Amino acid sequence: MKIVLASSEAVPWSKTGGLADVSAALPKALAALGHDVTLILPHYSAVSAARGATPPADCAGPEIDVQVGDTRLTARLLILPAESPAHPTVILVDQPELFDRQGMYVDPETGKDYPDNCRRFVFFSRAVMETCLKLQLDPDVLHVNDWQTGLIPALLQAEYRWKPGFSNTASVITLHNLAFHGSFWHFDMPLTGLDWHYFNYRQMEAWGNLNLLKTGIVFSDHITTVSPTYAAEIQTAEFGCGLHPVLVEHSSRLTGILNGIDPEVWNPETDPALAQNYSVETVHQGKPACRRQLQQKLGLNQTAEVPLFSMISRLTDQKGVDLLCECLDEALKLDMQLAVLGTGDRELEAALVAATRQYSGRVAVVIGYDEELAHQIEAGADIFLMPSRFEPCGLNQMYSQRYGTVPIVRSVGGLADSVVDASPNALEDGTATGLVFSDYSSEALLSQIRRAVRLYHDRERWHQLMDAGMRKDFSWTRSAREYQTVYEKAIAAR
């Protein structure tokens, strides 16, 4: 099967969230199943350089011309051939005017979205189609992700269906986070190059605006989202972010597939960032060394007697950081430590940083993102906090279990699908891997923190939780097989 995946970010080239991890790992897993896979990304040259991921000098390929509204833009394709048959080909679309910026979607100087984001990602969507034509990729499936590539299924149906290589192409869109719509004022519609008759409430319009996520949902042959629970949640008013009627209407072609994790990147047995590597058999020897490394690096008190809680997250209300800030003083009356890594809402950042001054040696906060430190936190911490308001899938709760770090999660989206609560029955049968709660409140979170501290001091039960989590299969092979089934359905529907 020839599969072209289009995404606005993927590690190591670019990253703002879990989309980048998925966009890197899924193509590899599909290629390992024997498919011919190409991943197409924008080339954010400044962002890639800052991440140490500059493409090699000899990767320059042909140019493509792309019409956006009344402007014709030229881009260079940077082609990185597959390292082996079990890896995808990666193509970076290099258009400096649109993508050579310090931020990917948001101007870091103003903290606001770039005002030409619609133009930028209409360009990228059309560039994907022109790349397929130029390189004769002839895809069986075009797999797009979130609003940034939501125009592609519409372009396929309305404009490219009769061009070479697209007559039997099926389209699949994955919704990673329904909170981001790609909603732009209606006068941006001409940028798409599609006729105004598509701007109606059943296709590309929502609340008077051009909505690129809705466009992808309506025009695609199949819709996936990143966990079975989230697939059900987004068909409700609470989680549907205003698009739930559209998703209910198209529910017959909606599938929830739980994301996996990349075992080459997130593996405590081989992770180069760790002070000592370990497996499920040696975790109780290796993890203490990682804990000491983390405490020393963050300036926390060097002690092995108290549980070390952690959080790696965008610091926003969506991630439940407001709940942590509300209950932090009460939580720290317990004998515990806390390490936080992330960036986001300025008020939440300030509240967490203030706690480091009040609780010196017990609370450490790093504002920003540091990939190496993220690995060290997963390995060195005992407990991972993920009390999200909503969470389409989440990856850190899977990383945590892989590293023997017990997650505390709220029962939403992929968190509900990937963590088994330490109920008496689950502890008895050995399936428990974490602590799960339902109410979105600081009192509920505080209750779980207290529960975790009690369990931590019951070493037999705690080791059982760690071991069960480390033995779970979160590999992408499982998820990739489910995507393969979806692709087959989409092709059959075509």
Protein backbone atom coordinates (compact mmCIF):
# COMPACT_ATOMS: atom_id res chain seq x y z
CA MET A 1 0.00 0.00 0.00
CA LYS A 2 1.34 3.48 -0.89
CA ILE A 3 0.67 5.82 2.02
CA VAL A 4 1.38 9.56 2.16
CA LEU A 5 1.10 11.15 5.59
CA ALA A 6 0.92 14.94 5.85
CA SER A 7 1.55 16.62 9.18
CA SER A 8 2.45 20.09 10.38
CA GLU A 9 5.09 18.73 12.78
CA ALA A 10 7.17 15.65 13.54
CA VAL A 11 10.23 14.95 15.62
CA PRO A 12 13.09 15.54 15.29
CA TRP A 13 12.33 18.42 12.91
CA SER A 14 9.63 20.23 14.87
CA LYS A 15 7.42 19.78 17.89
CA THR A 16 4.79 21.57 19.95
CA GLY A 17 2.99 18.49 21.30
CA GLY A 18 2.08 14.85 20.91
CA LEU A 19 1.22 15.27 17.21
CA ALA A 20 4.96 15.47 16.49
CA ASP A 21 5.65 12.18 18.29
CA VAL A 22 2.78 10.41 16.51
CA SER A 23 3.78 11.80 13.11
CA ALA A 24 7.27 10.39 13.54
CA ALA A 25 6.38 7.01 15.04
CA LEU A 26 3.34 5.93 12.99
CA PRO A 27 5.08 6.18 9.58
CA LYS A 28 7.92 4.01 10.89
CA ALA A 29 5.49 1.42 12.22
CA LEU A 30 3.57 1.36 8.92
CA ALA A 31 6.80 1.01 6.93
CA ALA A 32 7.82 -1.87 9.20
CA LEU A 33 4.58 -3.62 8.19
CA GLY A 34 5.78 -3.50 4.58
CA HIS A 35 3.99 -0.40 3.28
CA ASP A 36 5.55 2.27 1.06
CA VAL A 37 5.33 5.34 3.31
CA THR A 38 6.14 9.01 2.68
CA LEU A 39 5.89 11.69 5.38
CA ILE A 40 5.53 15.31 4.19
CA LEU A 41 6.21 18.23 6.57
CA PRO A 42 6.77 21.99 6.39
CA HIS A 43 10.43 22.91 6.80
CA TYR A 44 10.58 25.34 9.73
CA SER A 45 14.29 25.94 9.19
CA ALA A 46 14.87 28.09 12.30
CA VAL A 47 12.93 25.68 14.51
CA SER A 48 14.74 22.62 13.11
CA ALA A 49 18.13 24.28 13.55
CA ALA A 50 17.33 25.13 17.17
CA ARG A 51 16.48 21.45 17.71
CA GLY A 52 19.74 20.33 16.08
CA ALA A 53 17.88 18.73 13.18
CA THR A 54 19.23 20.55 10.13
CA PRO A 55 18.70 18.45 6.97
CA PRO A 56 21.83 17.34 5.07
CA ALA A 57 23.12 19.59 2.31
CA ASP A 58 22.66 16.98 -0.43
CA CYS A 59 18.91 16.47 0.08
CA ALA A 60 17.69 19.28 -2.19
CA GLY A 61 15.11 18.01 -4.66
CA PRO A 62 12.93 19.67 -7.30
CA GLU A 63 10.89 22.84 -6.93
CA ILE A 64 7.10 23.01 -6.98
CA ASP A 65 4.83 25.95 -7.77
CA VAL A 66 1.76 26.41 -5.61
CA GLN A 67 -1.16 28.75 -6.18
CA VAL A 68 -2.58 30.35 -3.02
CA GLY A 69 -5.38 32.76 -3.79
CA ASP A 70 -4.05 35.18 -6.43
CA THR A 71 -0.39 34.50 -5.55
CA ARG A 72 1.91 31.83 -6.95
CA LEU A 73 4.62 30.63 -4.56
CA THR A 74 7.63 28.41 -5.20
CA ALA A 75 8.99 25.86 -2.74
CA ARG A 76 11.99 23.54 -2.75
CA LEU A 77 11.45 19.90 -1.75
CA LEU A 78 14.09 18.54 0.62
CA ILE A 79 14.00 14.75 0.25
CA LEU A 80 15.42 12.43 2.89
CA PRO A 81 15.29 8.88 1.50
CA ALA A 82 14.22 6.04 3.75
CA GLU A 83 17.10 4.76 5.90
CA SER A 84 15.87 1.21 5.29
CA PRO A 85 12.73 -0.52 3.96
CA ALA A 86 11.37 -0.28 7.53
CA HIS A 87 11.54 3.54 7.52
CA PRO A 88 9.56 6.20 5.63
CA THR A 89 10.81 8.71 3.12
CA VAL A 90 10.63 12.21 4.63
CA ILE A 91 9.99 15.29 2.49
CA LEU A 92 10.37 18.79 3.92
CA VAL A 93 8.60 21.56 2.02
CA ASP A 94 10.99 24.52 2.13
CA GLN A 95 9.27 27.87 1.67
CA PRO A 96 11.20 30.43 3.78
CA GLU A 97 8.69 33.27 3.45
CA LEU A 98 6.02 31.19 5.17
CA PHE A 99 7.94 28.81 7.42
CA ASP A 100 11.35 30.26 8.31
CA ARG A 101 10.18 31.79 11.58
CA GLN A 102 11.05 31.47 15.26
CA GLY A 103 7.65 29.86 16.00
CA MET A 104 5.58 27.28 14.19
CA TYR A 105 2.05 28.57 14.72
CA VAL A 106 2.51 31.31 17.31
CA ASP A 107 4.77 34.37 17.21
CA PRO A 108 6.96 33.98 20.33
CA GLU A 109 7.33 37.77 20.62
CA THR A 110 3.59 38.45 20.83
CA GLY A 111 2.30 35.10 22.07
CA LYS A 112 -0.39 35.26 19.37
CA ASP A 113 -1.08 33.14 16.28
CA TYR A 114 0.62 34.34 13.13
CA PRO A 115 -2.00 36.40 11.26
CA ASP A 116 -1.28 34.57 7.98
CA ASN A 117 -1.70 31.04 9.38
CA CYS A 118 -4.56 30.32 6.99
CA ARG A 119 -2.40 31.25 4.01
CA ARG A 120 0.56 29.25 5.37
CA PHE A 121 -1.34 26.01 5.80
CA VAL A 122 -3.48 26.35 2.69
CA PHE A 123 -0.12 26.61 0.94
CA PHE A 124 1.18 23.53 2.72
CA SER A 125 -1.96 21.51 1.91
CA ARG A 126 -1.67 22.39 -1.77
CA ALA A 127 2.08 21.72 -1.63
CA VAL A 128 1.35 18.17 -0.45
CA MET A 129 -0.86 17.59 -3.47
CA GLU A 130 1.67 19.11 -5.87
CA THR A 131 4.46 17.03 -4.30
CA CYS A 132 2.47 13.87 -4.98
CA LEU A 133 2.10 14.94 -8.59
CA LYS A 134 5.71 16.06 -9.05
CA LEU A 135 7.24 12.91 -7.56
CA GLN A 136 4.54 10.57 -8.93
CA LEU A 137 3.81 9.19 -5.47
CA ASP A 138 0.40 7.83 -6.60
CA PRO A 139 -0.91 7.34 -3.06
CA ASP A 140 -3.50 4.73 -2.19
CA VAL A 141 -4.11 6.71 1.01
CA LEU A 142 -3.60 10.34 1.96
CA HIS A 143 -3.50 10.48 5.76
CA VAL A 144 -3.80 14.02 7.13
CA ASN A 145 -3.65 15.35 10.66
CA ASP A 146 -5.59 18.13 12.39
CA TRP A 147 -6.69 21.44 10.90
CA GLN A 148 -3.33 22.34 9.36
CA THR A 149 -3.88 19.67 6.70
CA GLY A 150 -7.68 19.56 6.83
CA LEU A 151 -8.01 21.15 3.39
CA ILE A 152 -6.33 18.17 1.67
CA PRO A 153 -9.39 15.84 1.56
CA ALA A 154 -11.42 18.69 0.01
CA LEU A 155 -8.71 19.40 -2.56
CA LEU A 156 -8.62 15.69 -3.40
CA GLN A 157 -12.37 15.50 -3.94
CA ALA A 158 -12.96 18.86 -5.65
CA GLU A 159 -9.84 19.41 -7.73
CA TYR A 160 -7.30 16.58 -7.85
CA ARG A 161 -9.47 13.50 -8.29
CA TRP A 162 -9.05 13.64 -12.07
CA LYS A 163 -5.31 14.32 -12.04
CA PRO A 164 -2.73 11.54 -12.54
CA GLY A 165 -2.28 9.26 -9.55
CA PHE A 166 -5.36 10.31 -7.59
CA SER A 167 -8.26 8.48 -9.24
CA ASN A 168 -8.47 5.83 -6.49
CA THR A 169 -6.82 7.68 -3.61
CA ALA A 170 -8.67 7.51 -0.28
CA SER A 171 -8.31 10.15 2.43
CA VAL A 172 -8.15 9.69 6.19
CA ILE A 173 -8.01 12.47 8.77
CA THR A 174 -6.84 12.01 12.35
CA LEU A 175 -8.19 14.39 14.99
CA HIS A 176 -5.47 14.81 17.63
CA ASN A 177 -7.12 17.65 19.54
CA LEU A 178 -10.56 18.94 18.63
CA ALA A 179 -9.99 22.16 20.58
CA PHE A 180 -8.02 23.59 17.64
CA HIS A 181 -10.24 24.17 14.61
CA GLY A 182 -8.28 26.26 12.15
CA SER A 183 -11.11 28.78 12.10
CA PHE A 184 -10.55 31.86 9.91
CA TRP A 185 -12.73 34.70 8.70
CA HIS A 186 -14.82 33.93 5.66
CA PHE A 187 -12.86 36.23 3.35
CA ASP A 188 -9.97 33.74 3.59
CA MET A 189 -12.06 31.30 1.55
CA PRO A 190 -10.52 32.49 -1.78
CA LEU A 191 -7.09 31.43 -0.46
CA THR A 192 -8.22 27.81 -0.70
CA GLY A 193 -8.80 28.08 -4.44
CA LEU A 194 -12.10 26.22 -4.04
CA ASP A 195 -15.43 27.55 -5.22
CA TRP A 196 -17.55 29.59 -2.83
CA HIS A 197 -20.35 27.04 -3.13
CA TYR A 198 -18.37 24.81 -0.73
CA PHE A 199 -18.68 27.54 1.91
CA ASN A 200 -21.89 26.24 3.47
CA TYR A 201 -22.89 24.83 6.85
CA ARG A 202 -22.60 21.21 5.71
CA GLN A 203 -19.05 21.49 4.35
CA MET A 204 -16.50 24.27 5.03
CA GLU A 205 -18.37 26.88 7.07
CA ALA A 206 -18.91 26.98 10.85
CA TRP A 207 -20.33 29.98 12.72
CA GLY A 208 -19.72 32.21 9.74
CA ASN A 209 -16.04 31.31 9.45
CA LEU A 210 -13.95 29.07 7.25
CA ASN A 211 -13.25 25.99 9.39
CA LEU A 212 -10.43 23.78 8.11
CA LEU A 213 -10.90 21.02 10.69
CA LYS A 214 -14.57 20.65 9.79
CA THR A 215 -13.51 20.63 6.13
CA GLY A 216 -11.27 17.64 6.74
CA ILE A 217 -13.96 15.80 8.71
CA VAL A 218 -16.63 16.27 6.06
CA PHE A 219 -14.55 15.49 2.96
CA SER A 220 -12.42 12.58 4.22
CA ASP A 221 -13.29 8.95 3.52
CA HIS A 222 -12.59 7.95 7.12
CA ILE A 223 -12.03 9.81 10.38
CA THR A 224 -9.87 8.58 13.21
CA THR A 225 -9.04 9.99 16.59
CA VAL A 226 -6.41 9.02 19.06
CA SER A 227 -8.31 6.85 21.55
CA PRO A 228 -11.61 4.93 21.65
CA THR A 229 -12.91 6.93 24.62
CA TYR A 230 -12.14 10.26 22.93
CA ALA A 231 -13.99 9.06 19.81
CA ALA A 232 -17.11 8.72 21.96
CA GLU A 233 -16.49 11.92 23.95
CA ILE A 234 -16.20 14.21 20.92
CA GLN A 235 -19.73 13.30 19.88
CA THR A 236 -21.02 15.12 23.00
CA ALA A 237 -21.46 18.82 23.70
CA GLU A 238 -18.97 18.67 26.60
CA PHE A 239 -16.02 17.49 24.52
CA GLY A 240 -17.08 18.20 20.93
CA CYS A 241 -15.91 21.83 20.93
CA GLY A 242 -18.91 22.83 18.85
CA LEU A 243 -18.32 20.20 16.15
CA HIS A 244 -20.18 17.36 17.88
CA PRO A 245 -23.21 17.55 15.53
CA VAL A 246 -20.87 17.08 12.55
CA LEU A 247 -19.15 14.13 14.21
CA VAL A 248 -22.44 12.50 15.16
CA GLU A 249 -23.57 12.85 11.54
CA HIS A 250 -20.39 11.16 10.30
CA SER A 251 -19.99 8.70 13.19
CA SER A 252 -20.32 5.66 10.91
CA ARG A 253 -16.83 6.41 9.58
CA LEU A 254 -15.24 7.48 12.87
CA THR A 255 -12.77 5.15 14.64
CA GLY A 256 -10.78 5.65 17.84
CA ILE A 257 -7.26 4.16 17.78
CA LEU A 258 -5.08 4.52 20.84
CA ASN A 259 -1.69 5.98 20.02
CA GLY A 260 1.45 4.02 20.69
CA ILE A 261 4.91 5.09 21.77
CA ASP A 262 8.21 4.69 19.96
CA PRO A 263 10.16 1.96 21.79
CA GLU A 264 13.40 3.11 20.15
CA VAL A 265 13.05 6.56 21.73
CA TRP A 266 11.27 5.73 25.00
CA ASN A 267 13.04 2.70 26.40
CA PRO A 268 14.68 2.72 29.85
CA GLU A 269 16.90 -0.19 28.80
CA THR A 270 18.68 1.87 26.12
CA ASP A 271 17.85 5.54 26.88
CA PRO A 272 21.15 7.48 26.68
CA ALA A 273 19.82 10.29 28.90
CA LEU A 274 19.67 8.09 32.00
CA ALA A 275 22.27 7.72 34.73
CA GLN A 276 21.62 3.98 34.70
CA ASN A 277 19.58 1.93 32.26
CA TYR A 278 17.14 -0.63 33.58
CA SER A 279 14.50 -3.16 32.59
CA VAL A 280 11.44 -4.51 34.38
CA GLU A 281 13.77 -7.02 36.01
CA THR A 282 16.28 -4.40 37.20
CA VAL A 283 14.07 -1.35 37.76
CA HIS A 284 14.45 -1.47 41.53
CA GLN A 285 18.22 -1.14 41.15
CA GLY A 286 18.32 1.28 38.19
CA LYS A 287 15.56 3.72 39.07
CA PRO A 288 17.17 4.93 42.35
CA ALA A 289 20.25 6.01 40.37
CA CYS A 290 18.03 7.95 37.96
CA ARG A 291 16.26 9.54 40.92
CA ARG A 292 19.56 10.74 42.40
CA GLN A 293 20.57 12.13 38.99
CA LEU A 294 17.29 14.06 38.73
CA GLN A 295 17.40 15.41 42.27
CA GLN A 296 20.94 16.64 41.79
CA LYS A 297 20.19 18.24 38.42
CA LEU A 298 17.10 20.09 39.72
CA GLY A 299 18.47 21.04 43.14
CA LEU A 300 16.06 18.85 45.08
CA ASN A 301 16.97 17.40 48.45
CA GLN A 302 18.87 14.13 48.06
CA THR A 303 16.54 11.66 49.75
CA ALA A 304 15.21 8.23 48.85
CA GLU A 305 12.55 8.15 51.54
CA VAL A 306 9.80 10.35 50.06
CA PRO A 307 7.84 10.00 46.79
CA LEU A 308 8.94 12.27 43.95
CA PHE A 309 5.94 13.54 41.95
CA SER A 310 6.37 14.97 38.46
CA MET A 311 4.60 16.70 35.59
CA ILE A 312 5.76 17.33 32.01
CA SER A 313 3.12 19.36 30.24
CA ARG A 314 1.91 22.44 28.51
CA LEU A 315 1.09 24.57 31.54
CA THR A 316 -2.57 25.18 30.76
CA ASP A 317 -5.97 24.55 32.32
CA GLN A 318 -6.57 21.80 29.74
CA LYS A 319 -3.79 19.80 31.39
CA GLY A 320 -5.18 20.32 34.91
CA VAL A 321 -2.27 22.51 35.99
CA ASP A 322 -4.79 24.86 37.63
CA LEU A 323 -5.86 21.99 39.89
CA LEU A 324 -2.27 21.32 40.93
CA CYS A 325 -1.69 24.98 41.74
CA GLU A 326 -4.89 25.14 43.81
CA CYS A 327 -4.00 22.13 45.98
CA LEU A 328 -0.21 22.46 46.04
CA ASP A 329 0.11 23.97 49.53
CA GLU A 330 -2.06 21.22 51.02
CA ALA A 331 -0.23 18.52 49.05
CA LEU A 332 3.14 19.73 50.28
CA LYS A 333 2.05 19.23 53.87
CA LEU A 334 2.75 15.61 52.95
CA ASP A 335 6.32 14.36 52.84
CA MET A 336 6.89 14.56 49.07
CA GLN A 337 8.81 16.30 46.30
CA LEU A 338 7.65 17.74 42.96
CA ALA A 339 9.43 18.30 39.62
CA VAL A 340 7.68 20.18 36.79
CA LEU A 341 8.80 20.81 33.22
CA GLY A 342 6.75 22.84 30.78
CA THR A 343 5.67 26.19 29.44
CA GLY A 344 2.33 27.85 28.82
CA ASP A 345 0.00 30.17 30.70
CA ARG A 346 2.04 32.96 32.33
CA GLU A 347 -0.03 32.97 35.54
CA LEU A 348 0.36 29.23 36.01
CA GLU A 349 4.07 29.48 35.29
CA ALA A 350 4.40 32.23 37.91
CA ALA A 351 2.46 30.25 40.53
CA LEU A 352 4.68 27.21 40.08
CA VAL A 353 7.90 29.24 40.12
CA ALA A 354 6.73 30.95 43.34
CA ALA A 355 6.34 27.51 44.91
CA THR A 356 10.03 26.78 44.27
CA ARG A 357 10.95 29.75 46.46
CA GLN A 358 8.53 28.80 49.22
CA TYR A 359 9.47 25.11 49.14
CA SER A 360 13.15 25.21 48.26
CA GLY A 361 14.63 21.75 47.88
CA ARG A 362 11.19 20.16 47.62
CA VAL A 363 9.79 21.76 44.46
CA ALA A 364 11.69 22.28 41.19
CA VAL A 365 10.18 23.94 38.11
CA VAL A 366 11.83 24.33 34.70
CA ILE A 367 9.97 26.68 32.36
CA GLY A 368 10.58 25.60 28.77
CA TYR A 369 11.08 22.27 27.07
CA ASP A 370 14.15 20.03 27.36
CA GLU A 371 13.94 16.62 25.70
CA GLU A 372 16.78 15.11 27.72
CA LEU A 373 15.33 16.38 30.99
CA ALA A 374 11.92 14.97 30.02
CA HIS A 375 13.47 11.50 29.77
CA GLN A 376 15.28 11.97 33.07
CA ILE A 377 12.07 13.03 34.81
CA GLU A 378 10.21 9.99 33.52
CA ALA A 379 12.96 7.73 34.82
CA GLY A 380 13.76 9.53 38.08
CA ALA A 381 10.25 10.30 39.35
CA ASP A 382 8.01 7.90 41.25
CA ILE A 383 4.65 9.38 40.25
CA PHE A 384 3.46 11.30 37.18
CA LEU A 385 0.56 13.79 37.40
CA MET A 386 -1.84 14.06 34.45
CA PRO A 387 -5.15 15.43 35.82
CA SER A 388 -6.36 16.71 32.44
CA ARG A 389 -9.64 18.49 31.85
CA PHE A 390 -9.68 16.61 28.55
CA GLU A 391 -7.01 14.46 26.90
CA PRO A 392 -7.54 13.03 23.41
CA CYS A 393 -4.85 10.41 23.96
CA GLY A 394 -1.87 11.56 25.97
CA LEU A 395 1.56 9.98 25.69
CA ASN A 396 3.27 10.77 28.97
CA GLN A 397 1.08 8.36 30.91
CA MET A 398 2.38 5.64 28.56
CA TYR A 399 5.99 6.82 28.83
CA SER A 400 5.58 6.81 32.61
CA GLN A 401 4.34 3.23 32.77
CA ARG A 402 7.16 2.17 30.43
CA TYR A 403 9.67 3.76 32.86
CA GLY A 404 8.10 2.33 36.03
CA THR A 405 6.64 5.70 37.07
CA VAL A 406 3.08 5.37 38.38
CA PRO A 407 0.63 7.81 36.71
CA ILE A 408 -2.22 9.68 38.41
CA VAL A 409 -4.75 10.49 35.67
CA ARG A 410 -8.27 11.75 35.24
CA SER A 411 -10.63 9.29 33.54
CA VAL A 412 -10.94 11.04 30.17
CA GLY A 413 -9.93 10.20 26.60
CA GLY A 414 -6.83 8.10 26.17
CA LEU A 415 -6.04 8.31 29.88
CA ALA A 416 -9.10 6.18 30.59
CA ASP A 417 -8.02 3.73 27.88
CA SER A 418 -4.41 3.30 28.99
CA VAL A 419 -4.29 3.36 32.82
CA VAL A 420 -5.91 0.77 35.09
CA ASP A 421 -6.86 2.12 38.52
CA ALA A 422 -5.38 0.53 41.63
CA SER A 423 -8.73 -0.70 42.89
CA PRO A 424 -8.73 -3.63 45.30
CA ASN A 425 -9.78 -6.03 42.52
CA ALA A 426 -7.18 -4.72 40.06
CA LEU A 427 -4.46 -4.90 42.69
CA GLU A 428 -5.54 -8.41 43.52
CA ASP A 429 -5.39 -9.65 39.92
CA GLY A 430 -2.23 -7.69 39.08
CA THR A 431 -3.69 -5.47 36.33
CA ALA A 432 -3.49 -2.12 38.17
CA THR A 433 -0.97 0.35 36.69
CA GLY A 434 -1.93 3.73 38.19
CA LEU A 435 -4.44 5.89 40.02
CA VAL A 436 -7.55 7.12 38.20
CA PHE A 437 -10.18 9.66 39.30
CA SER A 438 -13.23 11.28 37.73
CA ASP A 439 -14.14 14.69 39.22
CA TYR A 440 -12.37 17.72 37.77
CA SER A 441 -11.51 19.40 41.07
CA SER A 442 -8.46 20.18 43.14
CA GLU A 443 -10.03 18.21 46.02
CA ALA A 444 -10.21 15.09 43.84
CA LEU A 445 -6.60 15.51 42.73
CA LEU A 446 -5.43 16.08 46.31
CA SER A 447 -7.22 12.91 47.37
CA GLN A 448 -5.28 10.92 44.74
CA ILE A 449 -1.97 12.49 45.79
CA ARG A 450 -2.65 11.40 49.37
CA ARG A 451 -3.64 7.95 48.13
CA ALA A 452 -0.42 7.70 46.12
CA VAL A 453 1.71 8.61 49.15
CA ARG A 454 0.03 5.87 51.19
CA LEU A 455 0.53 3.29 48.43
CA TYR A 456 4.14 4.38 47.92
CA HIS A 457 4.98 3.31 51.46
CA ASP A 458 3.39 -0.12 50.87
CA ARG A 459 6.43 -1.28 48.95
CA GLU A 460 5.03 -4.61 47.82
CA ARG A 461 1.92 -3.01 46.30
CA TRP A 462 3.98 -0.17 44.81
CA HIS A 463 6.43 -2.53 43.13
CA GLN A 464 3.46 -4.47 41.75
CA LEU A 465 2.08 -1.25 40.17
CA MET A 466 5.46 -0.41 38.66
CA ASP A 467 6.01 -3.88 37.24
CA ALA A 468 2.50 -4.14 35.73
CA GLY A 469 2.91 -0.78 33.98
CA MET A 470 6.31 -1.69 32.56
CA ARG A 471 4.94 -4.93 31.09
CA LYS A 472 2.09 -3.26 29.14
CA ASP A 473 2.31 -3.22 25.35
CA PHE A 474 2.13 0.36 24.09
CA SER A 475 4.03 -0.34 20.88
CA TRP A 476 3.05 1.29 17.61
CA THR A 477 2.82 -2.11 15.91
CA ARG A 478 -0.58 -2.68 17.52
CA SER A 479 -1.81 0.79 16.53
CA ALA A 480 -0.36 0.57 13.01
CA ARG A 481 -2.30 -2.62 12.33
CA GLU A 482 -5.50 -0.82 13.32
CA TYR A 483 -4.65 2.06 10.97
CA GLN A 484 -4.01 -0.48 8.22
CA THR A 485 -7.56 -1.79 8.72
CA VAL A 486 -8.92 1.78 8.53
CA TYR A 487 -7.02 2.40 5.31
CA GLU A 488 -8.49 -0.74 3.80
CA LYS A 489 -12.00 0.42 4.75
CA ALA A 490 -11.37 3.88 3.25
CA ILE A 491 -10.06 2.40 0.01
CA ALA A 492 -13.05 0.04 -0.20
CA ALA A 493 -15.39 3.01 0.35
CA ARG A 494 -13.71 4.85 -2.55
